[in-house]
Every structure is written in structure tokens, then in C-alpha cells.
């Protein structure tokens, strides 16, 4: 697999995973709920999806060769990126005025 393709795959997966908690009322888009999710539930789901996407990135990095060591700076940066990628879903859920 091309290195550039792997990077884009992880970025697209991160964008989709970051917005997933905000665009539906199901747990991980699979398990139905009878009550709407609260903001804290959505944030918890987002943290779980952050680690799932991180696992995907780790697997792709392993398949490309040796895994580079990562310090706290890496996790702070990727966490901030994940939160930034979640902004469209947050706006849609909480700031956009739904008509109807």
C-alpha cells in the first residue's frame, strides 16, 4: 500500500469517526438507543473512536515498516486534530437550527 494512500485513509477515517457520534443517536452507529445521547456520551464515544482510528494508523504504520516511537506530543497533536475534525458534526448537532 502506498504511504500517501495510508495517510489519507487515516485522515478520512478520523474525520468520519470524529463526526459519527454527532450525526446519529446509536452507539457507534450500530446499537440503537431509546433515549437521545447526551453530550458526555457523545464525547465518550468520540474518545473510543479516537483510539480505534489510532489502532488503524498503528496497523498501517506496522505494515509499512518499523513503528516510530511517539511521546505525549504526538497524542496531544492527534487529539487536537480529532477534536478539530469533529467540529462540523458538533455544529450540526448543537448549533445548527433544525427546521420542523
PDB file of N, CA and C in Angstrom:
ATOM      1  N   UNK A   1       0.843  -1.177   0.000  1.00  0.00           N
ATOM      2  CA  UNK A   1       0.000   0.000   0.000  1.00  0.00           C
ATOM      3  C   UNK A   1       0.890   1.242   0.000  1.00  0.00           C
ATOM      4  N   UNK A   2       0.516   2.196  -0.783  1.00  0.00           N
ATOM      5  CA  UNK A   2       1.252   3.443  -0.901  1.00  0.00           C
ATOM      6  C   UNK A   2       1.193   4.219   0.422  1.00  0.00           C
ATOM      7  N   UNK A   3       2.301   4.846   0.800  1.00  0.00           N
ATOM      8  CA  UNK A   3       2.359   5.597   2.056  1.00  0.00           C
ATOM      9  C   UNK A   3       1.375   6.769   2.047  1.00  0.00           C
ATOM     10  N   UNK A   4       1.285   7.452   0.936  1.00  0.00           N
ATOM     11  CA  UNK A   4       0.364   8.582   0.820  1.00  0.00           C
ATOM     12  C   UNK A   4      -1.088   8.125   0.964  1.00  0.00           C
ATOM     13  N   UNK A   5      -1.401   6.982   0.382  1.00  0.00           N
ATOM     14  CA  UNK A   5      -2.754   6.435   0.499  1.00  0.00           C
ATOM     15  C   UNK A   5      -3.078   6.101   1.956  1.00  0.00           C
ATOM     16  N   UNK A   6      -2.109   5.564   2.677  1.00  0.00           N
ATOM     17  CA  UNK A   6      -2.315   5.233   4.090  1.00  0.00           C
ATOM     18  C   UNK A   6      -2.612   6.479   4.915  1.00  0.00           C
ATOM     19  N   UNK A   7      -1.894   7.544   4.636  1.00  0.00           N
ATOM     20  CA  UNK A   7      -2.111   8.795   5.367  1.00  0.00           C
ATOM     21  C   UNK A   7      -3.517   9.325   5.099  1.00  0.00           C
ATOM     22  N   UNK A   8      -3.919   9.339   3.842  1.00  0.00           N
ATOM     23  CA  UNK A   8      -5.261   9.822   3.504  1.00  0.00           C
ATOM     24  C   UNK A   8      -6.341   8.919   4.079  1.00  0.00           C
ATOM     25  N   UNK A   9      -6.089   7.627   4.104  1.00  0.00           N
ATOM     26  CA  UNK A   9      -7.051   6.692   4.677  1.00  0.00           C
ATOM     27  C   UNK A   9      -7.271   6.978   6.161  1.00  0.00           C
ATOM     28  N   UNK A  10      -6.201   7.220   6.887  1.00  0.00           N
ATOM     29  CA  UNK A  10      -6.318   7.518   8.318  1.00  0.00           C
ATOM     30  C   UNK A  10      -7.007   8.865   8.529  1.00  0.00           C
ATOM     31  N   UNK A  11      -6.687   9.854   7.712  1.00  0.00           N
ATOM     32  CA  UNK A  11      -7.333  11.165   7.861  1.00  0.00           C
ATOM     33  C   UNK A  11      -8.830  11.100   7.570  1.00  0.00           C
ATOM     34  N   UNK A  12      -9.209  10.377   6.543  1.00  0.00           N
ATOM     35  CA  UNK A  12     -10.639  10.246   6.220  1.00  0.00           C
ATOM     36  C   UNK A  12     -11.354   9.442   7.300  1.00  0.00           C
ATOM     37  N   UNK A  13     -10.718   8.381   7.775  1.00  0.00           N
ATOM     38  CA  UNK A  13     -11.310   7.593   8.859  1.00  0.00           C
ATOM     39  C   UNK A  13     -11.457   8.443  10.119  1.00  0.00           C
ATOM     40  N   UNK A  14     -10.479   9.294  10.398  1.00  0.00           N
ATOM     41  CA  UNK A  14     -10.554  10.171  11.570  1.00  0.00           C
ATOM     42  C   UNK A  14     -11.691  11.178  11.423  1.00  0.00           C
ATOM     43  N   UNK A  15     -11.854  11.739  10.239  1.00  0.00           N
ATOM     44  CA  UNK A  15     -12.942  12.695  10.015  1.00  0.00           C
ATOM     45  C   UNK A  15     -14.300  12.029  10.212  1.00  0.00           C
ATOM     46  N   UNK A  16     -14.464  10.861   9.629  1.00  0.00           N
ATOM     47  CA  UNK A  16     -15.742  10.152   9.760  1.00  0.00           C
ATOM     48  C   UNK A  16     -15.994   9.722  11.207  1.00  0.00           C
ATOM     49  N   UNK A  17     -14.965   9.209  11.866  1.00  0.00           N
ATOM     50  CA  UNK A  17     -15.122   8.751  13.246  1.00  0.00           C
ATOM     51  C   UNK A  17     -15.367   9.911  14.204  1.00  0.00           C
ATOM     52  N   UNK A  18     -14.758  11.047  13.957  1.00  0.00           N
ATOM     53  CA  UNK A  18     -14.942  12.198  14.839  1.00  0.00           C
ATOM     54  C   UNK A  18     -16.356  12.756  14.737  1.00  0.00           C
ATOM     55  N   UNK A  19     -16.967  12.651  13.577  1.00  0.00           N
ATOM     56  CA  UNK A  19     -18.315  13.188  13.386  1.00  0.00           C
ATOM     57  C   UNK A  19     -19.409  12.166  13.656  1.00  0.00           C
ATOM     58  N   UNK A  20     -19.066  10.903  13.691  1.00  0.00           N
ATOM     59  CA  UNK A  20     -20.054   9.844  13.877  1.00  0.00           C
ATOM     60  C   UNK A  20     -20.903  10.003  15.138  1.00  0.00           C
ATOM     61  N   UNK A  21     -20.335  10.347  16.290  1.00  0.00           N
ATOM     62  CA  UNK A  21     -21.184  10.481  17.483  1.00  0.00           C
ATOM     63  C   UNK A  21     -22.222  11.593  17.382  1.00  0.00           C
ATOM     64  N   UNK A  22     -21.985  12.566  16.537  1.00  0.00           N
ATOM     65  CA  UNK A  22     -22.884  13.712  16.459  1.00  0.00           C
ATOM     66  C   UNK A  22     -23.971  13.571  15.404  1.00  0.00           C
ATOM     67  N   UNK A  23     -23.827  12.639  14.488  1.00  0.00           N
ATOM     68  CA  UNK A  23     -24.806  12.567  13.401  1.00  0.00           C
ATOM     69  C   UNK A  23     -25.851  11.476  13.595  1.00  0.00           C
ATOM     70  N   UNK A  24     -25.745  10.691  14.660  1.00  0.00           N
ATOM     71  CA  UNK A  24     -26.772   9.678  14.906  1.00  0.00           C
ATOM     72  C   UNK A  24     -26.978   9.476  16.397  1.00  0.00           C
ATOM     73  N   UNK A  25     -28.031   8.762  16.742  1.00  0.00           N
ATOM     74  CA  UNK A  25     -28.366   8.502  18.142  1.00  0.00           C
ATOM     75  C   UNK A  25     -28.018   7.077  18.567  1.00  0.00           C
ATOM     76  N   UNK A  26     -27.345   6.330  17.720  1.00  0.00           N
ATOM     77  CA  UNK A  26     -26.964   4.959  18.053  1.00  0.00           C
ATOM     78  C   UNK A  26     -25.559   4.933  18.636  1.00  0.00           C
ATOM     79  N   UNK A  27     -25.290   3.929  19.468  1.00  0.00           N
ATOM     80  CA  UNK A  27     -23.936   3.733  19.973  1.00  0.00           C
ATOM     81  C   UNK A  27     -23.078   3.192  18.849  1.00  0.00           C
ATOM     82  N   UNK A  28     -22.035   3.889  18.521  1.00  0.00           N
ATOM     83  CA  UNK A  28     -21.098   3.509  17.460  1.00  0.00           C
ATOM     84  C   UNK A  28     -21.813   3.232  16.142  1.00  0.00           C
ATOM     85  N   UNK A  29     -22.925   3.892  15.933  1.00  0.00           N
ATOM     86  CA  UNK A  29     -23.744   3.787  14.720  1.00  0.00           C
ATOM     87  C   UNK A  29     -24.315   2.390  14.517  1.00  0.00           C
ATOM     88  N   UNK A  30     -24.329   1.568  15.565  1.00  0.00           N
ATOM     89  CA  UNK A  30     -24.812   0.197  15.425  1.00  0.00           C
ATOM     90  C   UNK A  30     -25.915  -0.125  16.429  1.00  0.00           C
ATOM     91  N   UNK A  31     -25.683   0.150  17.694  1.00  0.00           N
ATOM     92  CA  UNK A  31     -26.594  -0.265  18.761  1.00  0.00           C
ATOM     93  C   UNK A  31     -27.647   0.820  18.988  1.00  0.00           C
ATOM     94  N   UNK A  32     -28.929   0.501  18.779  1.00  0.00           N
ATOM     95  CA  UNK A  32     -29.971   1.519  18.953  1.00  0.00           C
ATOM     96  C   UNK A  32     -30.173   1.893  20.421  1.00  0.00           C
ATOM     97  N   UNK A  33     -30.592   3.130  20.627  1.00  0.00           N
ATOM     98  CA  UNK A  33     -30.889   3.636  21.969  1.00  0.00           C
ATOM     99  C   UNK A  33     -32.320   4.151  21.984  1.00  0.00           C
ATOM    100  N   UNK A  34     -32.955   4.036  23.138  1.00  0.00           N
ATOM    101  CA  UNK A  34     -34.321   4.547  23.246  1.00  0.00           C
ATOM    102  C   UNK A  34     -34.327   6.033  23.598  1.00  0.00           C
ATOM    103  N   UNK A  35     -33.316   6.482  24.317  1.00  0.00           N
ATOM    104  CA  UNK A  35     -33.208   7.893  24.695  1.00  0.00           C
ATOM    105  C   UNK A  35     -32.093   8.563  23.897  1.00  0.00           C
ATOM    106  N   UNK A  36     -32.196   9.866  23.686  1.00  0.00           N
ATOM    107  CA  UNK A  36     -31.113  10.566  22.977  1.00  0.00           C
ATOM    108  C   UNK A  36     -29.812  10.558  23.791  1.00  0.00           C
ATOM    109  N   UNK A  37     -28.704  10.580  23.086  1.00  0.00           N
ATOM    110  CA  UNK A  37     -27.400  10.619  23.748  1.00  0.00           C
ATOM    111  C   UNK A  37     -27.144  12.019  24.282  1.00  0.00           C
ATOM    112  N   UNK A  38     -26.497  12.081  25.442  1.00  0.00           N
ATOM    113  CA  UNK A  38     -26.097  13.373  25.993  1.00  0.00           C
ATOM    114  C   UNK A  38     -24.741  13.762  25.399  1.00  0.00           C
ATOM    115  N   UNK A  39     -24.334  14.987  25.661  1.00  0.00           N
ATOM    116  CA  UNK A  39     -23.038  15.443  25.164  1.00  0.00           C
ATOM    117  C   UNK A  39     -21.911  14.588  25.734  1.00  0.00           C
ATOM    118  N   UNK A  40     -22.004  14.208  26.999  1.00  0.00           N
ATOM    119  CA  UNK A  40     -20.948  13.399  27.620  1.00  0.00           C
ATOM    120  C   UNK A  40     -20.874  12.017  27.001  1.00  0.00           C
ATOM    121  N   UNK A  41     -22.004  11.462  26.631  1.00  0.00           N
ATOM    122  CA  UNK A  41     -21.995  10.166  25.939  1.00  0.00           C
ATOM    123  C   UNK A  41     -21.318  10.297  24.580  1.00  0.00           C
ATOM    124  N   UNK A  42     -21.613  11.381  23.903  1.00  0.00           N
ATOM    125  CA  UNK A  42     -21.004  11.611  22.587  1.00  0.00           C
ATOM    126  C   UNK A  42     -19.492  11.798  22.714  1.00  0.00           C
ATOM    127  N   UNK A  43     -19.061  12.522  23.739  1.00  0.00           N
ATOM    128  CA  UNK A  43     -17.624  12.724  23.934  1.00  0.00           C
ATOM    129  C   UNK A  43     -16.927  11.414  24.298  1.00  0.00           C
ATOM    130  N   UNK A  44     -17.574  10.597  25.116  1.00  0.00           N
ATOM    131  CA  UNK A  44     -17.008   9.290  25.446  1.00  0.00           C
ATOM    132  C   UNK A  44     -16.886   8.399  24.220  1.00  0.00           C
ATOM    133  N   UNK A  45     -17.910   8.438  23.389  1.00  0.00           N
ATOM    134  CA  UNK A  45     -17.873   7.674  22.145  1.00  0.00           C
ATOM    135  C   UNK A  45     -16.769   8.200  21.225  1.00  0.00           C
ATOM    136  N   UNK A  46     -16.579   9.508  21.246  1.00  0.00           N
ATOM    137  CA  UNK A  46     -15.535  10.108  20.424  1.00  0.00           C
ATOM    138  C   UNK A  46     -14.143   9.665  20.890  1.00  0.00           C
ATOM    139  N   UNK A  47     -13.941   9.566  22.196  1.00  0.00           N
ATOM    140  CA  UNK A  47     -12.656   9.098  22.723  1.00  0.00           C
ATOM    141  C   UNK A  47     -12.410   7.650  22.300  1.00  0.00           C
ATOM    142  N   UNK A  48     -13.433   6.827  22.393  1.00  0.00           N
ATOM    143  CA  UNK A  48     -13.295   5.437  21.967  1.00  0.00           C
ATOM    144  C   UNK A  48     -12.945   5.355  20.479  1.00  0.00           C
ATOM    145  N   UNK A  49     -13.613   6.152  19.669  1.00  0.00           N
ATOM    146  CA  UNK A  49     -13.335   6.147  18.233  1.00  0.00           C
ATOM    147  C   UNK A  49     -11.948   6.709  17.925  1.00  0.00           C
ATOM    148  N   UNK A  50     -11.458   7.633  18.755  1.00  0.00           N
ATOM    149  CA  UNK A  50     -10.093   8.145  18.597  1.00  0.00           C
ATOM    150  C   UNK A  50      -9.083   7.002  18.713  1.00  0.00           C
ATOM    151  N   UNK A  51      -9.291   6.143  19.704  1.00  0.00           N
ATOM    152  CA  UNK A  51      -8.366   5.027  19.888  1.00  0.00           C
ATOM    153  C   UNK A  51      -8.521   3.975  18.792  1.00  0.00           C
ATOM    154  N   UNK A  52      -9.720   3.802  18.279  1.00  0.00           N
ATOM    155  CA  UNK A  52      -9.915   2.858  17.171  1.00  0.00           C
ATOM    156  C   UNK A  52      -9.196   3.350  15.918  1.00  0.00           C
ATOM    157  N   UNK A  53      -9.330   4.636  15.619  1.00  0.00           N
ATOM    158  CA  UNK A  53      -8.624   5.199  14.460  1.00  0.00           C
ATOM    159  C   UNK A  53      -7.114   5.163  14.701  1.00  0.00           C
ATOM    160  N   UNK A  54      -6.699   5.397  15.931  1.00  0.00           N
ATOM    161  CA  UNK A  54      -5.278   5.278  16.258  1.00  0.00           C
ATOM    162  C   UNK A  54      -4.762   3.868  16.032  1.00  0.00           C
ATOM    163  N   UNK A  55      -5.579   2.882  16.359  1.00  0.00           N
ATOM    164  CA  UNK A  55      -5.209   1.493  16.090  1.00  0.00           C
ATOM    165  C   UNK A  55      -5.078   1.214  14.603  1.00  0.00           C
ATOM    166  N   UNK A  56      -5.974   1.807  13.819  1.00  0.00           N
ATOM    167  CA  UNK A  56      -5.872   1.675  12.363  1.00  0.00           C
ATOM    168  C   UNK A  56      -4.566   2.287  11.865  1.00  0.00           C
ATOM    169  N   UNK A  57      -4.248   3.468  12.357  1.00  0.00           N
ATOM    170  CA  UNK A  57      -2.997   4.115  11.964  1.00  0.00           C
ATOM    171  C   UNK A  57      -1.782   3.310  12.383  1.00  0.00           C
ATOM    172  N   UNK A  58      -1.844   2.737  13.577  1.00  0.00           N
ATOM    173  CA  UNK A  58      -0.742   1.908  14.061  1.00  0.00           C
ATOM    174  C   UNK A  58      -0.572   0.663  13.195  1.00  0.00           C
ATOM    175  N   UNK A  59      -1.688   0.056  12.814  1.00  0.00           N
ATOM    176  CA  UNK A  59      -1.619  -1.135  11.952  1.00  0.00           C
ATOM    177  C   UNK A  59      -1.044  -0.787  10.581  1.00  0.00           C
ATOM    178  N   UNK A  60      -1.451   0.349  10.030  1.00  0.00           N
ATOM    179  CA  UNK A  60      -0.912   0.752   8.730  1.00  0.00           C
ATOM    180  C   UNK A  60       0.571   1.090   8.826  1.00  0.00           C
ATOM    181  N   UNK A  61       0.967   1.704   9.932  1.00  0.00           N
ATOM    182  CA  UNK A  61       2.382   2.019  10.120  1.00  0.00           C
ATOM    183  C   UNK A  61       3.202   0.741  10.284  1.00  0.00           C
ATOM    184  N   UNK A  62       2.648  -0.227  10.988  1.00  0.00           N
ATOM    185  CA  UNK A  62       3.336  -1.508  11.166  1.00  0.00           C
ATOM    186  C   UNK A  62       3.505  -2.227   9.830  1.00  0.00           C
ATOM    187  N   UNK A  63       2.481  -2.144   8.986  1.00  0.00           N
ATOM    188  CA  UNK A  63       2.583  -2.814   7.687  1.00  0.00           C
ATOM    189  C   UNK A  63       3.581  -2.112   6.765  1.00  0.00           C
ATOM    190  N   UNK A  64       3.818  -0.822   7.007  1.00  0.00           N
ATOM    191  CA  UNK A  64       4.765  -0.076   6.180  1.00  0.00           C
ATOM    192  C   UNK A  64       6.207  -0.274   6.639  1.00  0.00           C
ATOM    193  N   UNK A  65       6.388  -0.706   7.870  1.00  0.00           N
ATOM    194  CA  UNK A  65       7.748  -0.879   8.385  1.00  0.00           C
ATOM    195  C   UNK A  65       7.765  -0.733   9.888  1.00  0.00           C
ATOM    196  N   UNK A  66       8.838  -0.183  10.395  1.00  0.00           N
ATOM    197  CA  UNK A  66       9.014  -0.043  11.833  1.00  0.00           C
ATOM    198  C   UNK A  66       8.136   1.081  12.381  1.00  0.00           C
ATOM    199  N   UNK A  67       7.574   0.854  13.564  1.00  0.00           N
ATOM    200  CA  UNK A  67       6.735   1.863  14.212  1.00  0.00           C
ATOM    201  C   UNK A  67       7.637   2.879  14.906  1.00  0.00           C
ATOM    202  N   UNK A  68       7.411   4.144  14.620  1.00  0.00           N
ATOM    203  CA  UNK A  68       8.197   5.207  15.237  1.00  0.00           C
ATOM    204  C   UNK A  68       7.714   5.436  16.667  1.00  0.00           C
ATOM    205  N   UNK A  69       8.632   5.711  17.592  1.00  0.00           N
ATOM    206  CA  UNK A  69       8.207   5.989  18.970  1.00  0.00           C
ATOM    207  C   UNK A  69       7.461   7.321  19.045  1.00  0.00           C
ATOM    208  N   UNK A  70       6.402   7.343  19.861  1.00  0.00           N
ATOM    209  CA  UNK A  70       5.602   8.555  19.998  1.00  0.00           C
ATOM    210  C   UNK A  70       5.553   8.967  21.462  1.00  0.00           C
ATOM    211  N   UNK A  71       5.776  10.238  21.696  1.00  0.00           N
ATOM    212  CA  UNK A  71       5.681  10.792  23.038  1.00  0.00           C
ATOM    213  C   UNK A  71       4.340  11.468  23.243  1.00  0.00           C
ATOM    214  N   UNK A  72       4.235  12.201  24.329  1.00  0.00           N
ATOM    215  CA  UNK A  72       2.976  12.857  24.654  1.00  0.00           C
ATOM    216  C   UNK A  72       2.604  13.908  23.614  1.00  0.00           C
ATOM    217  N   UNK A  73       3.603  14.475  22.953  1.00  0.00           N
ATOM    218  CA  UNK A  73       3.331  15.498  21.945  1.00  0.00           C
ATOM    219  C   UNK A  73       2.504  14.938  20.790  1.00  0.00           C
ATOM    220  N   UNK A  74       2.806  13.701  20.409  1.00  0.00           N
ATOM    221  CA  UNK A  74       2.066  13.053  19.325  1.00  0.00           C
ATOM    222  C   UNK A  74       0.596  12.914  19.696  1.00  0.00           C
ATOM    223  N   UNK A  75       0.335  12.447  20.909  1.00  0.00           N
ATOM    224  CA  UNK A  75      -1.053  12.230  21.327  1.00  0.00           C
ATOM    225  C   UNK A  75      -1.787  13.550  21.539  1.00  0.00           C
ATOM    226  N   UNK A  76      -1.094  14.567  22.007  1.00  0.00           N
ATOM    227  CA  UNK A  76      -1.720  15.881  22.156  1.00  0.00           C
ATOM    228  C   UNK A  76      -2.094  16.457  20.790  1.00  0.00           C
ATOM    229  N   UNK A  77      -1.216  16.295  19.827  1.00  0.00           N
ATOM    230  CA  UNK A  77      -1.481  16.818  18.484  1.00  0.00           C
ATOM    231  C   UNK A  77      -2.603  16.057  17.795  1.00  0.00           C
ATOM    232  N   UNK A  78      -2.560  14.731  17.855  1.00  0.00           N
ATOM    233  CA  UNK A  78      -3.610  13.958  17.187  1.00  0.00           C
ATOM    234  C   UNK A  78      -4.951  14.115  17.893  1.00  0.00           C
ATOM    235  N   UNK A  79      -4.935  14.280  19.210  1.00  0.00           N
ATOM    236  CA  UNK A  79      -6.186  14.538  19.930  1.00  0.00           C
ATOM    237  C   UNK A  79      -6.793  15.871  19.532  1.00  0.00           C
ATOM    238  N   UNK A  80      -5.947  16.892  19.418  1.00  0.00           N
ATOM    239  CA  UNK A  80      -6.433  18.204  18.984  1.00  0.00           C
ATOM    240  C   UNK A  80      -6.947  18.145  17.544  1.00  0.00           C
ATOM    241  N   UNK A  81      -6.270  17.396  16.697  1.00  0.00           N
ATOM    242  CA  UNK A  81      -6.734  17.230  15.319  1.00  0.00           C
ATOM    243  C   UNK A  81      -8.083  16.520  15.286  1.00  0.00           C
ATOM    244  N   UNK A  82      -8.244  15.493  16.113  1.00  0.00           N
ATOM    245  CA  UNK A  82      -9.502  14.745  16.149  1.00  0.00           C
ATOM    246  C   UNK A  82     -10.651  15.639  16.617  1.00  0.00           C
ATOM    247  N   UNK A  83     -10.398  16.464  17.615  1.00  0.00           N
ATOM    248  CA  UNK A  83     -11.426  17.398  18.095  1.00  0.00           C
ATOM    249  C   UNK A  83     -11.760  18.420  17.012  1.00  0.00           C
ATOM    250  N   UNK A  84     -10.750  18.892  16.304  1.00  0.00           N
ATOM    251  CA  UNK A  84     -10.984  19.842  15.219  1.00  0.00           C
ATOM    252  C   UNK A  84     -11.798  19.209  14.095  1.00  0.00           C
ATOM    253  N   UNK A  85     -11.507  17.964  13.785  1.00  0.00           N
ATOM    254  CA  UNK A  85     -12.259  17.274  12.738  1.00  0.00           C
ATOM    255  C   UNK A  85     -13.714  17.038  13.144  1.00  0.00           C
ATOM    256  N   UNK A  86     -13.995  17.013  14.445  1.00  0.00           N
ATOM    257  CA  UNK A  86     -15.358  16.784  14.930  1.00  0.00           C
ATOM    258  C   UNK A  86     -16.215  18.045  14.891  1.00  0.00           C
ATOM    259  N   UNK A  87     -15.637  19.177  14.578  1.00  0.00           N
ATOM    260  CA  UNK A  87     -16.379  20.435  14.625  1.00  0.00           C
ATOM    261  C   UNK A  87     -17.605  20.464  13.713  1.00  0.00           C
ATOM    262  N   UNK A  88     -17.542  19.978  12.471  1.00  0.00           N
ATOM    263  CA  UNK A  88     -18.760  20.002  11.644  1.00  0.00           C
ATOM    264  C   UNK A  88     -19.922  19.218  12.259  1.00  0.00           C
ATOM    265  N   UNK A  89     -19.640  18.069  12.834  1.00  0.00           N
ATOM    266  CA  UNK A  89     -20.699  17.286  13.469  1.00  0.00           C
ATOM    267  C   UNK A  89     -21.258  17.976  14.696  1.00  0.00           C
ATOM    268  N   UNK A  90     -20.389  18.604  15.480  1.00  0.00           N
ATOM    269  CA  UNK A  90     -20.836  19.346  16.657  1.00  0.00           C
ATOM    270  C   UNK A  90     -21.732  20.506  16.253  1.00  0.00           C
ATOM    271  N   UNK A  91     -21.328  21.232  15.225  1.00  0.00           N
ATOM    272  CA  UNK A  91     -22.134  22.357  14.742  1.00  0.00           C
ATOM    273  C   UNK A  91     -23.487  21.860  14.252  1.00  0.00           C
ATOM    274  N   UNK A  92     -23.485  20.769  13.514  1.00  0.00           N
ATOM    275  CA  UNK A  92     -24.743  20.225  13.007  1.00  0.00           C
ATOM    276  C   UNK A  92     -25.671  19.824  14.152  1.00  0.00           C
ATOM    277  N   UNK A  93     -25.128  19.202  15.182  1.00  0.00           N
ATOM    278  CA  UNK A  93     -25.957  18.695  16.278  1.00  0.00           C
ATOM    279  C   UNK A  93     -26.419  19.800  17.220  1.00  0.00           C
ATOM    280  N   UNK A  94     -25.540  20.714  17.594  1.00  0.00           N
ATOM    281  CA  UNK A  94     -25.856  21.647  18.671  1.00  0.00           C
ATOM    282  C   UNK A  94     -26.040  23.104  18.248  1.00  0.00           C
ATOM    283  N   UNK A  95     -25.488  23.521  17.142  1.00  0.00           N
ATOM    284  CA  UNK A  95     -25.562  24.930  16.781  1.00  0.00           C
ATOM    285  C   UNK A  95     -26.469  25.212  15.591  1.00  0.00           C
ATOM    286  N   UNK A  96     -26.631  24.239  14.717  1.00  0.00           N
ATOM    287  CA  UNK A  96     -27.471  24.424  13.538  1.00  0.00           C
ATOM    288  C   UNK A  96     -28.934  24.348  13.950  1.00  0.00           C
ATOM    289  N   UNK A  97     -29.711  25.306  13.517  1.00  0.00           N
ATOM    290  CA  UNK A  97     -31.126  25.333  13.872  1.00  0.00           C
ATOM    291  C   UNK A  97     -31.896  24.448  12.894  1.00  0.00           C
ATOM    292  N   UNK A  98     -32.387  23.322  13.400  1.00  0.00           N
ATOM    293  CA  UNK A  98     -33.147  22.387  12.566  1.00  0.00           C
ATOM    294  C   UNK A  98     -34.577  22.879  12.433  1.00  0.00           C
ATOM    295  N   UNK A  99     -35.055  22.911  11.226  1.00  0.00           N
ATOM    296  CA  UNK A  99     -36.429  23.363  10.979  1.00  0.00           C
ATOM    297  C   UNK A  99     -37.365  22.167  11.032  1.00  0.00           C
ATOM    298  N   UNK A 100     -38.539  22.411  11.543  1.00  0.00           N
ATOM    299  CA  UNK A 100     -39.505  21.323  11.533  1.00  0.00           C
ATOM    300  C   UNK A 100     -40.296  21.226  12.713  1.00  0.00           C
TER     301      UNK A 100
END
